[in-house]
Amino acid sequence: MNLLIVLGHPRTASLSGALALAFGEGARKIGADVRQLALATLEFDPHVRTESPGDQALEDDLSKARDLILWAEHLVVVYSTWRATAARPDHVSGKVSAKDRRLAMRPSALAAGLAPTA
């Protein structure tokens, strides 16, 4: 069995990283061929620079990631959740827009426990 573990946490040395490693070790023990892909280590331009995304060539890291995904028979994606949802890029980088802060301070957000604590 070809198993690809995709680590989506922005820090590889995290609880998510430890879970990904432990899962991989367990899968190897039962005979799986395990490879890992840490998204935080990929280097690529996240912006589309051409008229159409299909016209933009894949950078080396994205090409390697695509090849790993095609190789895999099973995918395991490990990522943290923030406020019961996947992390958004602006939250991962620690940048929260003024609009996000305003929305978080609405009474409905405060009641739901969604307002920032710091």
PDB file of N, CA and C in Angstrom:
ATOM      1  N   MET A   1       0.845  -1.176   0.000  1.00  0.00           N
ATOM      2  CA  MET A   1       0.000   0.000   0.000  1.00  0.00           C
ATOM      3  C   MET A   1       0.891   1.239   0.000  1.00  0.00           C
ATOM      4  N   ASN A   2       0.656   2.143  -0.925  1.00  0.00           N
ATOM      5  CA  ASN A   2       1.375   3.414  -0.989  1.00  0.00           C
ATOM      6  C   ASN A   2       0.574   4.460  -0.222  1.00  0.00           C
ATOM      7  N   LEU A   3       1.158   4.973   0.831  1.00  0.00           N
ATOM      8  CA  LEU A   3       0.478   5.918   1.720  1.00  0.00           C
ATOM      9  C   LEU A   3       1.232   7.238   1.744  1.00  0.00           C
ATOM     10  N   LEU A   4       0.540   8.312   1.431  1.00  0.00           N
ATOM     11  CA  LEU A   4       1.119   9.656   1.517  1.00  0.00           C
ATOM     12  C   LEU A   4       0.475  10.377   2.688  1.00  0.00           C
ATOM     13  N   ILE A   5       1.318  10.877   3.590  1.00  0.00           N
ATOM     14  CA  ILE A   5       0.845  11.680   4.720  1.00  0.00           C
ATOM     15  C   ILE A   5       1.176  13.132   4.407  1.00  0.00           C
ATOM     16  N   VAL A   6       0.154  13.954   4.301  1.00  0.00           N
ATOM     17  CA  VAL A   6       0.312  15.377   4.001  1.00  0.00           C
ATOM     18  C   VAL A   6       0.161  16.143   5.308  1.00  0.00           C
ATOM     19  N   LEU A   7       1.222  16.835   5.705  1.00  0.00           N
ATOM     20  CA  LEU A   7       1.177  17.652   6.918  1.00  0.00           C
ATOM     21  C   LEU A   7       0.850  19.086   6.516  1.00  0.00           C
ATOM     22  N   GLY A   8      -0.310  19.551   6.959  1.00  0.00           N
ATOM     23  CA  GLY A   8      -0.765  20.880   6.582  1.00  0.00           C
ATOM     24  C   GLY A   8      -0.522  21.952   7.623  1.00  0.00           C
ATOM     25  N   HIS A   9       0.118  21.612   8.722  1.00  0.00           N
ATOM     26  CA  HIS A   9       0.388  22.605   9.770  1.00  0.00           C
ATOM     27  C   HIS A   9       1.549  23.492   9.345  1.00  0.00           C
ATOM     28  N   PRO A  10       1.498  24.783   9.647  1.00  0.00           N
ATOM     29  CA  PRO A  10       2.586  25.689   9.249  1.00  0.00           C
ATOM     30  C   PRO A  10       3.911  25.425   9.970  1.00  0.00           C
ATOM     31  N   ARG A  11       3.873  24.673  11.076  1.00  0.00           N
ATOM     32  CA  ARG A  11       5.110  24.311  11.784  1.00  0.00           C
ATOM     33  C   ARG A  11       5.203  22.797  11.834  1.00  0.00           C
ATOM     34  N   THR A  12       6.290  22.257  11.304  1.00  0.00           N
ATOM     35  CA  THR A  12       6.427  20.804  11.305  1.00  0.00           C
ATOM     36  C   THR A  12       6.685  20.276  12.707  1.00  0.00           C
ATOM     37  N   ALA A  13       7.331  21.067  13.554  1.00  0.00           N
ATOM     38  CA  ALA A  13       7.578  20.670  14.948  1.00  0.00           C
ATOM     39  C   ALA A  13       6.382  21.100  15.790  1.00  0.00           C
ATOM     40  N   SER A  14       5.290  20.380  15.649  1.00  0.00           N
ATOM     41  CA  SER A  14       4.034  20.712  16.330  1.00  0.00           C
ATOM     42  C   SER A  14       3.342  19.407  16.711  1.00  0.00           C
ATOM     43  N   LEU A  15       2.227  19.516  17.390  1.00  0.00           N
ATOM     44  CA  LEU A  15       1.447  18.328  17.716  1.00  0.00           C
ATOM     45  C   LEU A  15       1.005  17.636  16.426  1.00  0.00           C
ATOM     46  N   SER A  16       0.585  18.410  15.442  1.00  0.00           N
ATOM     47  CA  SER A  16       0.185  17.816  14.162  1.00  0.00           C
ATOM     48  C   SER A  16       1.353  17.075  13.521  1.00  0.00           C
ATOM     49  N   GLY A  17       2.543  17.663  13.584  1.00  0.00           N
ATOM     50  CA  GLY A  17       3.725  17.001  13.044  1.00  0.00           C
ATOM     51  C   GLY A  17       4.018  15.695  13.757  1.00  0.00           C
ATOM     52  N   ALA A  18       3.883  15.694  15.070  1.00  0.00           N
ATOM     53  CA  ALA A  18       4.108  14.478  15.848  1.00  0.00           C
ATOM     54  C   ALA A  18       3.070  13.407  15.505  1.00  0.00           C
ATOM     55  N   LEU A  19       1.822  13.816  15.314  1.00  0.00           N
ATOM     56  CA  LEU A  19       0.777  12.863  14.932  1.00  0.00           C
ATOM     57  C   LEU A  19       1.060  12.260  13.560  1.00  0.00           C
ATOM     58  N   ALA A  20       1.519  13.099  12.624  1.00  0.00           N
ATOM     59  CA  ALA A  20       1.848  12.607  11.281  1.00  0.00           C
ATOM     60  C   ALA A  20       2.993  11.594  11.346  1.00  0.00           C
ATOM     61  N   LEU A  21       4.020  11.902  12.138  1.00  0.00           N
ATOM     62  CA  LEU A  21       5.142  10.966  12.276  1.00  0.00           C
ATOM     63  C   LEU A  21       4.698   9.648  12.910  1.00  0.00           C
ATOM     64  N   ALA A  22       3.905   9.729  13.963  1.00  0.00           N
ATOM     65  CA  ALA A  22       3.438   8.523  14.648  1.00  0.00           C
ATOM     66  C   ALA A  22       2.566   7.673  13.725  1.00  0.00           C
ATOM     67  N   PHE A  23       1.713   8.315  12.955  1.00  0.00           N
ATOM     68  CA  PHE A  23       0.866   7.578  12.017  1.00  0.00           C
ATOM     69  C   PHE A  23       1.736   6.869  10.989  1.00  0.00           C
ATOM     70  N   GLY A  24       2.751   7.567  10.479  1.00  0.00           N
ATOM     71  CA  GLY A  24       3.655   6.973   9.509  1.00  0.00           C
ATOM     72  C   GLY A  24       4.404   5.776  10.071  1.00  0.00           C
ATOM     73  N   GLU A  25       4.880   5.894  11.306  1.00  0.00           N
ATOM     74  CA  GLU A  25       5.594   4.779  11.952  1.00  0.00           C
ATOM     75  C   GLU A  25       4.674   3.567  12.096  1.00  0.00           C
ATOM     76  N   GLY A  26       3.458   3.793  12.505  1.00  0.00           N
ATOM     77  CA  GLY A  26       2.506   2.688  12.643  1.00  0.00           C
ATOM     78  C   GLY A  26       2.187   2.044  11.309  1.00  0.00           C
ATOM     79  N   ALA A  27       2.024   2.854  10.268  1.00  0.00           N
ATOM     80  CA  ALA A  27       1.723   2.318   8.937  1.00  0.00           C
ATOM     81  C   ALA A  27       2.896   1.499   8.396  1.00  0.00           C
ATOM     82  N   ARG A  28       4.116   1.954   8.660  1.00  0.00           N
ATOM     83  CA  ARG A  28       5.293   1.196   8.216  1.00  0.00           C
ATOM     84  C   ARG A  28       5.348  -0.171   8.897  1.00  0.00           C
ATOM     85  N   LYS A  29       4.954  -0.216  10.162  1.00  0.00           N
ATOM     86  CA  LYS A  29       4.980  -1.473  10.909  1.00  0.00           C
ATOM     87  C   LYS A  29       4.049  -2.526  10.308  1.00  0.00           C
ATOM     88  N   ILE A  30       3.009  -2.087   9.619  1.00  0.00           N
ATOM     89  CA  ILE A  30       2.103  -3.054   8.995  1.00  0.00           C
ATOM     90  C   ILE A  30       2.397  -3.222   7.503  1.00  0.00           C
ATOM     91  N   GLY A  31       3.551  -2.695   7.071  1.00  0.00           N
ATOM     92  CA  GLY A  31       4.008  -2.953   5.707  1.00  0.00           C
ATOM     93  C   GLY A  31       3.703  -1.902   4.668  1.00  0.00           C
ATOM     94  N   ALA A  32       3.204  -0.758   5.061  1.00  0.00           N
ATOM     95  CA  ALA A  32       2.901   0.290   4.087  1.00  0.00           C
ATOM     96  C   ALA A  32       4.179   0.979   3.631  1.00  0.00           C
ATOM     97  N   ASP A  33       4.188   1.387   2.373  1.00  0.00           N
ATOM     98  CA  ASP A  33       5.253   2.237   1.846  1.00  0.00           C
ATOM     99  C   ASP A  33       4.799   3.669   2.100  1.00  0.00           C
ATOM    100  N   VAL A  34       5.440   4.341   3.036  1.00  0.00           N
ATOM    101  CA  VAL A  34       4.976   5.646   3.514  1.00  0.00           C
ATOM    102  C   VAL A  34       5.901   6.757   3.028  1.00  0.00           C
ATOM    103  N   ARG A  35       5.293   7.801   2.511  1.00  0.00           N
ATOM    104  CA  ARG A  35       6.018   9.034   2.186  1.00  0.00           C
ATOM    105  C   ARG A  35       5.265  10.184   2.825  1.00  0.00           C
ATOM    106  N   GLN A  36       6.019  11.243   3.131  1.00  0.00           N
ATOM    107  CA  GLN A  36       5.394  12.395   3.780  1.00  0.00           C
ATOM    108  C   GLN A  36       5.649  13.659   2.977  1.00  0.00           C
ATOM    109  N   LEU A  37       4.676  14.556   3.035  1.00  0.00           N
ATOM    110  CA  LEU A  37       4.761  15.842   2.356  1.00  0.00           C
ATOM    111  C   LEU A  37       4.356  16.923   3.344  1.00  0.00           C
ATOM    112  N   ALA A  38       5.304  17.760   3.736  1.00  0.00           N
ATOM    113  CA  ALA A  38       5.017  18.872   4.653  1.00  0.00           C
ATOM    114  C   ALA A  38       4.781  20.128   3.811  1.00  0.00           C
ATOM    115  N   LEU A  39       3.559  20.595   3.785  1.00  0.00           N
ATOM    116  CA  LEU A  39       3.222  21.748   2.947  1.00  0.00           C
ATOM    117  C   LEU A  39       4.016  22.988   3.323  1.00  0.00           C
ATOM    118  N   ALA A  40       4.358  23.131   4.596  1.00  0.00           N
ATOM    119  CA  ALA A  40       5.090  24.317   5.056  1.00  0.00           C
ATOM    120  C   ALA A  40       6.487  24.402   4.458  1.00  0.00           C
ATOM    121  N   THR A  41       7.023  23.291   3.979  1.00  0.00           N
ATOM    122  CA  THR A  41       8.391  23.301   3.439  1.00  0.00           C
ATOM    123  C   THR A  41       8.423  23.560   1.935  1.00  0.00           C
ATOM    124  N   LEU A  42       7.255  23.603   1.295  1.00  0.00           N
ATOM    125  CA  LEU A  42       7.216  23.799  -0.152  1.00  0.00           C
ATOM    126  C   LEU A  42       7.523  25.254  -0.506  1.00  0.00           C
ATOM    127  N   GLU A  43       8.266  25.420  -1.564  1.00  0.00           N
ATOM    128  CA  GLU A  43       8.557  26.770  -2.059  1.00  0.00           C
ATOM    129  C   GLU A  43       7.882  26.945  -3.409  1.00  0.00           C
ATOM    130  N   PHE A  44       6.950  27.909  -3.454  1.00  0.00           N
ATOM    131  CA  PHE A  44       6.252  28.200  -4.706  1.00  0.00           C
ATOM    132  C   PHE A  44       5.574  29.557  -4.586  1.00  0.00           C
ATOM    133  N   ASP A  45       5.251  30.125  -5.735  1.00  0.00           N
ATOM    134  CA  ASP A  45       4.537  31.394  -5.782  1.00  0.00           C
ATOM    135  C   ASP A  45       3.046  31.084  -5.688  1.00  0.00           C
ATOM    136  N   PRO A  46       2.350  31.529  -4.643  1.00  0.00           N
ATOM    137  CA  PRO A  46       0.937  31.193  -4.495  1.00  0.00           C
ATOM    138  C   PRO A  46       0.012  31.975  -5.433  1.00  0.00           C
ATOM    139  N   HIS A  47       0.550  32.903  -6.188  1.00  0.00           N
ATOM    140  CA  HIS A  47      -0.270  33.741  -7.055  1.00  0.00           C
ATOM    141  C   HIS A  47      -0.232  33.248  -8.501  1.00  0.00           C
ATOM    142  N   VAL A  48      -1.354  33.354  -9.167  1.00  0.00           N
ATOM    143  CA  VAL A  48      -1.416  33.034 -10.594  1.00  0.00           C
ATOM    144  C   VAL A  48      -0.894  34.248 -11.349  1.00  0.00           C
ATOM    145  N   ARG A  49       0.131  34.045 -12.149  1.00  0.00           N
ATOM    146  CA  ARG A  49       0.786  35.143 -12.869  1.00  0.00           C
ATOM    147  C   ARG A  49       0.434  35.145 -14.351  1.00  0.00           C
ATOM    148  N   THR A  50      -0.408  34.223 -14.781  1.00  0.00           N
ATOM    149  CA  THR A  50      -0.806  34.136 -16.182  1.00  0.00           C
ATOM    150  C   THR A  50      -2.301  34.369 -16.292  1.00  0.00           C
ATOM    151  N   GLU A  51      -2.780  34.487 -17.523  1.00  0.00           N
ATOM    152  CA  GLU A  51      -4.206  34.707 -17.755  1.00  0.00           C
ATOM    153  C   GLU A  51      -5.048  33.588 -17.126  1.00  0.00           C
ATOM    154  N   SER A  52      -4.579  32.379 -17.261  1.00  0.00           N
ATOM    155  CA  SER A  52      -5.299  31.223 -16.742  1.00  0.00           C
ATOM    156  C   SER A  52      -4.364  30.382 -15.871  1.00  0.00           C
ATOM    157  N   PRO A  53      -4.844  29.837 -14.754  1.00  0.00           N
ATOM    158  CA  PRO A  53      -3.972  28.999 -13.915  1.00  0.00           C
ATOM    159  C   PRO A  53      -3.376  27.821 -14.684  1.00  0.00           C
ATOM    160  N   GLY A  54      -4.111  27.300 -15.668  1.00  0.00           N
ATOM    161  CA  GLY A  54      -3.619  26.178 -16.458  1.00  0.00           C
ATOM    162  C   GLY A  54      -2.428  26.537 -17.331  1.00  0.00           C
ATOM    163  N   ASP A  55      -2.219  27.835 -17.577  1.00  0.00           N
ATOM    164  CA  ASP A  55      -1.101  28.279 -18.412  1.00  0.00           C
ATOM    165  C   ASP A  55       0.181  28.467 -17.609  1.00  0.00           C
ATOM    166  N   GLN A  56       0.086  28.475 -16.302  1.00  0.00           N
ATOM    167  CA  GLN A  56       1.253  28.711 -15.453  1.00  0.00           C
ATOM    168  C   GLN A  56       1.961  27.394 -15.174  1.00  0.00           C
ATOM    169  N   ALA A  57       3.245  27.375 -15.430  1.00  0.00           N
ATOM    170  CA  ALA A  57       4.029  26.161 -15.184  1.00  0.00           C
ATOM    171  C   ALA A  57       4.116  25.893 -13.678  1.00  0.00           C
ATOM    172  N   LEU A  58       4.126  24.618 -13.329  1.00  0.00           N
ATOM    173  CA  LEU A  58       4.280  24.252 -11.915  1.00  0.00           C
ATOM    174  C   LEU A  58       5.738  24.401 -11.498  1.00  0.00           C
ATOM    175  N   GLU A  59       5.949  25.005 -10.338  1.00  0.00           N
ATOM    176  CA  GLU A  59       7.293  25.045  -9.777  1.00  0.00           C
ATOM    177  C   GLU A  59       7.700  23.630  -9.373  1.00  0.00           C
ATOM    178  N   ASP A  60       8.995  23.436  -9.146  1.00  0.00           N
ATOM    179  CA  ASP A  60       9.522  22.101  -8.834  1.00  0.00           C
ATOM    180  C   ASP A  60       8.812  21.454  -7.642  1.00  0.00           C
ATOM    181  N   ASP A  61       8.646  22.194  -6.550  1.00  0.00           N
ATOM    182  CA  ASP A  61       8.016  21.612  -5.360  1.00  0.00           C
ATOM    183  C   ASP A  61       6.570  21.194  -5.622  1.00  0.00           C
ATOM    184  N   LEU A  62       5.835  21.981  -6.405  1.00  0.00           N
ATOM    185  CA  LEU A  62       4.451  21.625  -6.712  1.00  0.00           C
ATOM    186  C   LEU A  62       4.392  20.420  -7.637  1.00  0.00           C
ATOM    187  N   SER A  63       5.327  20.337  -8.546  1.00  0.00           N
ATOM    188  CA  SER A  63       5.400  19.181  -9.425  1.00  0.00           C
ATOM    189  C   SER A  63       5.699  17.911  -8.634  1.00  0.00           C
ATOM    190  N   LYS A  64       6.627  18.002  -7.673  1.00  0.00           N
ATOM    191  CA  LYS A  64       6.945  16.852  -6.817  1.00  0.00           C
ATOM    192  C   LYS A  64       5.740  16.467  -5.962  1.00  0.00           C
ATOM    193  N   ALA A  65       5.021  17.468  -5.440  1.00  0.00           N
ATOM    194  CA  ALA A  65       3.834  17.190  -4.631  1.00  0.00           C
ATOM    195  C   ALA A  65       2.770  16.488  -5.478  1.00  0.00           C
ATOM    196  N   ARG A  66       2.573  16.959  -6.702  1.00  0.00           N
ATOM    197  CA  ARG A  66       1.604  16.317  -7.596  1.00  0.00           C
ATOM    198  C   ARG A  66       1.992  14.861  -7.844  1.00  0.00           C
ATOM    199  N   ASP A  67       3.275  14.617  -8.098  1.00  0.00           N
ATOM    200  CA  ASP A  67       3.746  13.254  -8.347  1.00  0.00           C
ATOM    201  C   ASP A  67       3.515  12.353  -7.136  1.00  0.00           C
ATOM    202  N   LEU A  68       3.741  12.880  -5.935  1.00  0.00           N
ATOM    203  CA  LEU A  68       3.487  12.093  -4.721  1.00  0.00           C
ATOM    204  C   LEU A  68       2.005  11.740  -4.581  1.00  0.00           C
ATOM    205  N   ILE A  69       1.155  12.691  -4.878  1.00  0.00           N
ATOM    206  CA  ILE A  69      -0.289  12.449  -4.782  1.00  0.00           C
ATOM    207  C   ILE A  69      -0.713  11.390  -5.795  1.00  0.00           C
ATOM    208  N   LEU A  70      -0.171  11.457  -7.000  1.00  0.00           N
ATOM    209  CA  LEU A  70      -0.491  10.453  -8.013  1.00  0.00           C
ATOM    210  C   LEU A  70       0.046   9.072  -7.625  1.00  0.00           C
ATOM    211  N   TRP A  71       1.171   9.026  -6.946  1.00  0.00           N
ATOM    212  CA  TRP A  71       1.785   7.776  -6.498  1.00  0.00           C
ATOM    213  C   TRP A  71       0.939   7.098  -5.417  1.00  0.00           C
ATOM    214  N   ALA A  72       0.309   7.896  -4.580  1.00  0.00           N
ATOM    215  CA  ALA A  72      -0.380   7.385  -3.394  1.00  0.00           C
ATOM    216  C   ALA A  72      -1.650   6.623  -3.746  1.00  0.00           C
ATOM    217  N   GLU A  73      -1.839   5.527  -3.003  1.00  0.00           N
ATOM    218  CA  GLU A  73      -3.109   4.803  -3.054  1.00  0.00           C
ATOM    219  C   GLU A  73      -4.024   5.281  -1.924  1.00  0.00           C
ATOM    220  N   HIS A  74      -3.406   5.808  -0.880  1.00  0.00           N
ATOM    221  CA  HIS A  74      -4.151   6.340   0.268  1.00  0.00           C
ATOM    222  C   HIS A  74      -3.514   7.658   0.685  1.00  0.00           C
ATOM    223  N   LEU A  75      -4.358   8.627   1.023  1.00  0.00           N
ATOM    224  CA  LEU A  75      -3.897   9.929   1.511  1.00  0.00           C
ATOM    225  C   LEU A  75      -4.369  10.131   2.945  1.00  0.00           C
ATOM    226  N   VAL A  76      -3.468  10.631   3.775  1.00  0.00           N
ATOM    227  CA  VAL A  76      -3.820  11.053   5.124  1.00  0.00           C
ATOM    228  C   VAL A  76      -3.409  12.516   5.215  1.00  0.00           C
ATOM    229  N   VAL A  77      -4.347  13.377   5.552  1.00  0.00           N
ATOM    230  CA  VAL A  77      -4.063  14.807   5.668  1.00  0.00           C
ATOM    231  C   VAL A  77      -4.170  15.183   7.141  1.00  0.00           C
ATOM    232  N   VAL A  78      -3.079  15.721   7.686  1.00  0.00           N
ATOM    233  CA  VAL A  78      -3.028  16.097   9.096  1.00  0.00           C
ATOM    234  C   VAL A  78      -2.918  17.618   9.176  1.00  0.00           C
ATOM    235  N   TYR A  79      -3.859  18.241   9.849  1.00  0.00           N
ATOM    236  CA  TYR A  79      -3.831  19.692  10.023  1.00  0.00           C
ATOM    237  C   TYR A  79      -4.575  20.053  11.300  1.00  0.00           C
ATOM    238  N   SER A  80      -4.256  21.195  11.826  1.00  0.00           N
ATOM    239  CA  SER A  80      -4.948  21.684  13.018  1.00  0.00           C
ATOM    240  C   SER A  80      -6.220  22.398  12.617  1.00  0.00           C
ATOM    241  N   THR A  81      -7.112  22.500  13.558  1.00  0.00           N
ATOM    242  CA  THR A  81      -8.301  23.308  13.329  1.00  0.00           C
ATOM    243  C   THR A  81      -8.276  24.490  14.286  1.00  0.00           C
ATOM    244  N   TRP A  82      -8.716  25.610  13.789  1.00  0.00           N
ATOM    245  CA  TRP A  82      -8.831  26.824  14.591  1.00  0.00           C
ATOM    246  C   TRP A  82     -10.291  27.217  14.548  1.00  0.00           C
ATOM    247  N   ARG A  83     -10.880  27.314  15.702  1.00  0.00           N
ATOM    248  CA  ARG A  83     -12.298  27.688  15.798  1.00  0.00           C
ATOM    249  C   ARG A  83     -13.169  26.764  14.952  1.00  0.00           C
ATOM    250  N   ALA A  84     -12.868  25.478  15.023  1.00  0.00           N
ATOM    251  CA  ALA A  84     -13.645  24.423  14.367  1.00  0.00           C
ATOM    252  C   ALA A  84     -13.622  24.501  12.845  1.00  0.00           C
ATOM    253  N   THR A  85     -12.569  25.043  12.268  1.00  0.00           N
ATOM    254  CA  THR A  85     -12.427  25.081  10.815  1.00  0.00           C
ATOM    255  C   THR A  85     -10.951  25.017  10.464  1.00  0.00           C
ATOM    256  N   ALA A  86     -10.649  24.701   9.234  1.00  0.00           N
ATOM    257  CA  ALA A  86      -9.252  24.671   8.797  1.00  0.00           C
ATOM    258  C   ALA A  86      -8.679  26.083   8.840  1.00  0.00           C
ATOM    259  N   ALA A  87      -7.391  26.170   9.033  1.00  0.00           N
ATOM    260  CA  ALA A  87      -6.726  27.472   9.122  1.00  0.00           C
ATOM    261  C   ALA A  87      -6.775  28.197   7.787  1.00  0.00           C
ATOM    262  N   ARG A  88      -7.000  29.485   7.859  1.00  0.00           N
ATOM    263  CA  ARG A  88      -6.903  30.320   6.663  1.00  0.00           C
ATOM    264  C   ARG A  88      -5.486  30.858   6.594  1.00  0.00           C
ATOM    265  N   PRO A  89      -4.983  31.129   5.387  1.00  0.00           N
ATOM    266  CA  PRO A  89      -3.600  31.617   5.270  1.00  0.00           C
ATOM    267  C   PRO A  89      -3.300  32.850   6.109  1.00  0.00           C
ATOM    268  N   ASP A  90      -4.267  33.775   6.244  1.00  0.00           N
ATOM    269  CA  ASP A  90      -3.980  34.973   7.027  1.00  0.00           C
ATOM    270  C   ASP A  90      -3.880  34.640   8.514  1.00  0.00           C
ATOM    271  N   HIS A  91      -4.587  33.621   8.982  1.00  0.00           N
ATOM    272  CA  HIS A  91      -4.471  33.218  10.380  1.00  0.00           C
ATOM    273  C   HIS A  91      -3.200  32.418  10.612  1.00  0.00           C
ATOM    274  N   VAL A  92      -2.807  31.613   9.638  1.00  0.00           N
ATOM    275  CA  VAL A  92      -1.583  30.831   9.773  1.00  0.00           C
ATOM    276  C   VAL A  92      -0.379  31.752   9.900  1.00  0.00           C
ATOM    277  N   SER A  93      -0.382  32.827   9.114  1.00  0.00           N
ATOM    278  CA  SER A  93       0.748  33.739   9.149  1.00  0.00           C
ATOM    279  C   SER A  93       0.691  34.682  10.346  1.00  0.00           C
ATOM    280  N   GLY A  94      -0.411  34.623  11.100  1.00  0.00           N
ATOM    281  CA  GLY A  94      -0.539  35.491  12.257  1.00  0.00           C
ATOM    282  C   GLY A  94      -1.108  36.862  11.918  1.00  0.00           C
ATOM    283  N   LYS A  95      -1.496  37.045  10.682  1.00  0.00           N
ATOM    284  CA  LYS A  95      -2.050  38.329  10.263  1.00  0.00           C
ATOM    285  C   LYS A  95      -3.568  38.218  10.206  1.00  0.00           C
ATOM    286  N   VAL A  96      -4.231  39.012  10.974  1.00  0.00           N
ATOM    287  CA  VAL A  96      -5.680  39.043  10.955  1.00  0.00           C
ATOM    288  C   VAL A  96      -6.088  40.433  10.492  1.00  0.00           C
ATOM    289  N   SER A  97      -6.926  40.476   9.474  1.00  0.00           N
ATOM    290  CA  SER A  97      -7.306  41.762   8.904  1.00  0.00           C
ATOM    291  C   SER A  97      -8.217  42.536   9.854  1.00  0.00           C
ATOM    292  N   ALA A  98      -8.324  43.832   9.599  1.00  0.00           N
ATOM    293  CA  ALA A  98      -9.204  44.677  10.410  1.00  0.00           C
ATOM    294  C   ALA A  98     -10.643  44.200  10.279  1.00  0.00           C
ATOM    295  N   LYS A  99     -11.035  43.755   9.093  1.00  0.00           N
ATOM    296  CA  LYS A  99     -12.393  43.250   8.887  1.00  0.00           C
ATOM    297  C   LYS A  99     -12.632  42.015   9.761  1.00  0.00           C
ATOM    298  N   ASP A 100     -11.660  41.089   9.804  1.00  0.00           N
ATOM    299  CA  ASP A 100     -11.798  39.909  10.653  1.00  0.00           C
ATOM    300  C   ASP A 100     -11.966  40.302  12.112  1.00  0.00           C
ATOM    301  N   ARG A 101     -11.197  41.299  12.566  1.00  0.00           N
ATOM    302  CA  ARG A 101     -11.306  41.731  13.957  1.00  0.00           C
ATOM    303  C   ARG A 101     -12.682  42.326  14.228  1.00  0.00           C
ATOM    304  N   ARG A 102     -13.195  43.119  13.279  1.00  0.00           N
ATOM    305  CA  ARG A 102     -14.520  43.704  13.457  1.00  0.00           C
ATOM    306  C   ARG A 102     -15.587  42.612  13.519  1.00  0.00           C
ATOM    307  N   LEU A 103     -15.496  41.611  12.608  1.00  0.00           N
ATOM    308  CA  LEU A 103     -16.478  40.529  12.601  1.00  0.00           C
ATOM    309  C   LEU A 103     -16.411  39.723  13.891  1.00  0.00           C
ATOM    310  N   ALA A 104     -15.205  39.518  14.402  1.00  0.00           N
ATOM    311  CA  ALA A 104     -15.041  38.720  15.618  1.00  0.00           C
ATOM    312  C   ALA A 104     -15.610  39.426  16.837  1.00  0.00           C
ATOM    313  N   MET A 105     -15.749  40.737  16.788  1.00  0.00           N
ATOM    314  CA  MET A 105     -16.236  41.483  17.935  1.00  0.00           C
ATOM    315  C   MET A 105     -17.750  41.664  17.911  1.00  0.00           C
ATOM    316  N   ARG A 106     -18.436  41.143  16.890  1.00  0.00           N
ATOM    317  CA  ARG A 106     -19.887  41.223  16.861  1.00  0.00           C
ATOM    318  C   ARG A 106     -20.457  40.404  18.018  1.00  0.00           C
ATOM    319  N   PRO A 107     -21.608  40.820  18.566  1.00  0.00           N
ATOM    320  CA  PRO A 107     -22.198  40.075  19.683  1.00  0.00           C
ATOM    321  C   PRO A 107     -22.406  38.597  19.377  1.00  0.00           C
ATOM    322  N   SER A 108     -22.793  38.268  18.136  1.00  0.00           N
ATOM    323  CA  SER A 108     -23.011  36.854  17.798  1.00  0.00           C
ATOM    324  C   SER A 108     -21.704  36.073  17.879  1.00  0.00           C
ATOM    325  N   ALA A 109     -20.603  36.682  17.491  1.00  0.00           N
ATOM    326  CA  ALA A 109     -19.303  36.013  17.572  1.00  0.00           C
ATOM    327  C   ALA A 109     -18.868  35.874  19.025  1.00  0.00           C
ATOM    328  N   LEU A 110     -19.136  36.888  19.826  1.00  0.00           N
ATOM    329  CA  LEU A 110     -18.780  36.819  21.240  1.00  0.00           C
ATOM    330  C   LEU A 110     -19.563  35.711  21.934  1.00  0.00           C
ATOM    331  N   ALA A 111     -20.859  35.613  21.625  1.00  0.00           N
ATOM    332  CA  ALA A 111     -21.705  34.594  22.244  1.00  0.00           C
ATOM    333  C   ALA A 111     -21.279  33.193  21.842  1.00  0.00           C
ATOM    334  N   ALA A 112     -20.804  33.050  20.606  1.00  0.00           N
ATOM    335  CA  ALA A 112     -20.396  31.732  20.113  1.00  0.00           C
ATOM    336  C   ALA A 112     -18.992  31.376  20.536  1.00  0.00           C
ATOM    337  N   GLY A 113     -18.332  32.302  21.230  1.00  0.00           N
ATOM    338  CA  GLY A 113     -16.954  32.039  21.667  1.00  0.00           C
ATOM    339  C   GLY A 113     -15.931  32.195  20.552  1.00  0.00           C
ATOM    340  N   LEU A 114     -16.276  32.928  19.513  1.00  0.00           N
ATOM    341  CA  LEU A 114     -15.391  33.073  18.355  1.00  0.00           C
ATOM    342  C   LEU A 114     -14.514  34.307  18.431  1.00  0.00           C
ATOM    343  N   ALA A 115     -14.725  35.156  19.379  1.00  0.00           N
ATOM    344  CA  ALA A 115     -13.931  36.380  19.468  1.00  0.00           C
ATOM    345  C   ALA A 115     -12.527  36.040  19.971  1.00  0.00           C
ATOM    346  N   PRO A 116     -11.540  36.770  19.491  1.00  0.00           N
ATOM    347  CA  PRO A 116     -10.174  36.514  19.958  1.00  0.00           C
ATOM    348  C   PRO A 116     -10.049  36.775  21.460  1.00  0.00           C
ATOM    349  N   THR A 117      -9.218  35.989  22.114  1.00  0.00           N
ATOM    350  CA  THR A 117      -9.064  36.150  23.549  1.00  0.00           C
ATOM    351  C   THR A 117      -7.919  37.096  23.896  1.00  0.00           C
ATOM    352  N   ALA A 118      -7.087  37.399  22.945  1.00  0.00           N
ATOM    353  CA  ALA A 118      -5.954  38.284  23.228  1.00  0.00           C
ATOM    354  C   ALA A 118      -5.885  39.399  22.224  1.00  0.00           C
TER     355      ALA A 118
END
